[in-house]
């Protein structure tokens, strides 16, 4: 599961496990 911060928003699949900045 990955999360990408775009414009201060967290976009990922379902639950956000890790936040990649």
PDB file of N, CA and C in Angstrom:
ATOM      1  N   UNK A   1       0.851  -1.202   0.000  1.00  0.00           N
ATOM      2  CA  UNK A   1       0.000   0.000   0.000  1.00  0.00           C
ATOM      3  C   UNK A   1       0.879   1.242   0.000  1.00  0.00           C
ATOM      4  N   UNK A   2       0.614   2.139  -0.917  1.00  0.00           N
ATOM      5  CA  UNK A   2       1.433   3.340  -0.997  1.00  0.00           C
ATOM      6  C   UNK A   2       0.554   4.579  -1.027  1.00  0.00           C
ATOM      7  N   UNK A   3       1.103   5.666  -0.540  1.00  0.00           N
ATOM      8  CA  UNK A   3       0.344   6.918  -0.530  1.00  0.00           C
ATOM      9  C   UNK A   3       1.212   8.042  -1.048  1.00  0.00           C
ATOM     10  N   UNK A   4       0.664   8.815  -1.958  1.00  0.00           N
ATOM     11  CA  UNK A   4       1.421   9.928  -2.527  1.00  0.00           C
ATOM     12  C   UNK A   4       0.746  11.247  -2.154  1.00  0.00           C
ATOM     13  N   UNK A   5       1.497  12.161  -1.562  1.00  0.00           N
ATOM     14  CA  UNK A   5       0.932  13.446  -1.156  1.00  0.00           C
ATOM     15  C   UNK A   5       0.946  14.416  -2.320  1.00  0.00           C
ATOM     16  N   UNK A   6      -0.268  14.796  -2.737  1.00  0.00           N
ATOM     17  CA  UNK A   6      -0.356  15.755  -3.837  1.00  0.00           C
ATOM     18  C   UNK A   6      -1.147  16.965  -3.379  1.00  0.00           C
ATOM     19  N   UNK A   7      -0.496  18.103  -3.337  1.00  0.00           N
ATOM     20  CA  UNK A   7      -1.179  19.330  -2.939  1.00  0.00           C
ATOM     21  C   UNK A   7      -1.680  19.240  -1.506  1.00  0.00           C
ATOM     22  N   UNK A   8      -0.975  18.451  -0.694  1.00  0.00           N
ATOM     23  CA  UNK A   8      -1.367  18.331   0.706  1.00  0.00           C
ATOM     24  C   UNK A   8      -2.414  17.247   0.898  1.00  0.00           C
ATOM     25  N   UNK A   9      -2.723  16.523  -0.170  1.00  0.00           N
ATOM     26  CA  UNK A   9      -3.717  15.443  -0.063  1.00  0.00           C
ATOM     27  C   UNK A   9      -3.028  14.090  -0.135  1.00  0.00           C
ATOM     28  N   UNK A  10      -3.583  13.152   0.590  1.00  0.00           N
ATOM     29  CA  UNK A  10      -2.992  11.817   0.572  1.00  0.00           C
ATOM     30  C   UNK A  10      -3.786  10.923  -0.365  1.00  0.00           C
ATOM     31  N   UNK A  11      -3.136  10.520  -1.452  1.00  0.00           N
ATOM     32  CA  UNK A  11      -3.812   9.674  -2.426  1.00  0.00           C
ATOM     33  C   UNK A  11      -3.181   8.283  -2.415  1.00  0.00           C
ATOM     34  N   UNK A  12      -3.985   7.284  -2.151  1.00  0.00           N
ATOM     35  CA  UNK A  12      -3.443   5.928  -2.104  1.00  0.00           C
ATOM     36  C   UNK A  12      -4.542   4.909  -2.333  1.00  0.00           C
ATOM     37  N   UNK A  13      -4.254   3.675  -1.970  1.00  0.00           N
ATOM     38  CA  UNK A  13      -5.256   2.628  -2.157  1.00  0.00           C
ATOM     39  C   UNK A  13      -5.812   2.213  -0.803  1.00  0.00           C
ATOM     40  N   UNK A  14      -7.036   2.579  -0.550  1.00  0.00           N
ATOM     41  CA  UNK A  14      -7.670   2.181   0.710  1.00  0.00           C
ATOM     42  C   UNK A  14      -6.980   2.818   1.902  1.00  0.00           C
ATOM     43  N   UNK A  15      -6.424   1.956   2.753  1.00  0.00           N
ATOM     44  CA  UNK A  15      -5.767   2.459   3.958  1.00  0.00           C
ATOM     45  C   UNK A  15      -4.336   2.889   3.642  1.00  0.00           C
ATOM     46  N   UNK A  16      -3.960   4.014   4.185  1.00  0.00           N
ATOM     47  CA  UNK A  16      -2.611   4.519   3.943  1.00  0.00           C
ATOM     48  C   UNK A  16      -1.644   3.942   4.965  1.00  0.00           C
ATOM     49  N   UNK A  17      -0.694   3.156   4.490  1.00  0.00           N
ATOM     50  CA  UNK A  17       0.283   2.544   5.381  1.00  0.00           C
ATOM     51  C   UNK A  17       1.533   3.411   5.459  1.00  0.00           C
ATOM     52  N   UNK A  18       2.062   3.735   4.284  1.00  0.00           N
ATOM     53  CA  UNK A  18       3.279   4.545   4.242  1.00  0.00           C
ATOM     54  C   UNK A  18       3.037   5.793   3.414  1.00  0.00           C
ATOM     55  N   UNK A  19       3.636   6.892   3.839  1.00  0.00           N
ATOM     56  CA  UNK A  19       3.471   8.146   3.110  1.00  0.00           C
ATOM     57  C   UNK A  19       4.783   8.525   2.432  1.00  0.00           C
ATOM     58  N   UNK A  20       4.760   8.574   1.109  1.00  0.00           N
ATOM     59  CA  UNK A  20       5.970   8.928   0.362  1.00  0.00           C
ATOM     60  C   UNK A  20       5.918  10.400  -0.027  1.00  0.00           C
ATOM     61  N   UNK A  21       6.874  11.167   0.464  1.00  0.00           N
ATOM     62  CA  UNK A  21       6.870  12.600   0.154  1.00  0.00           C
ATOM     63  C   UNK A  21       7.920  12.884  -0.926  1.00  0.00           C
TER      64      UNK A  21
END
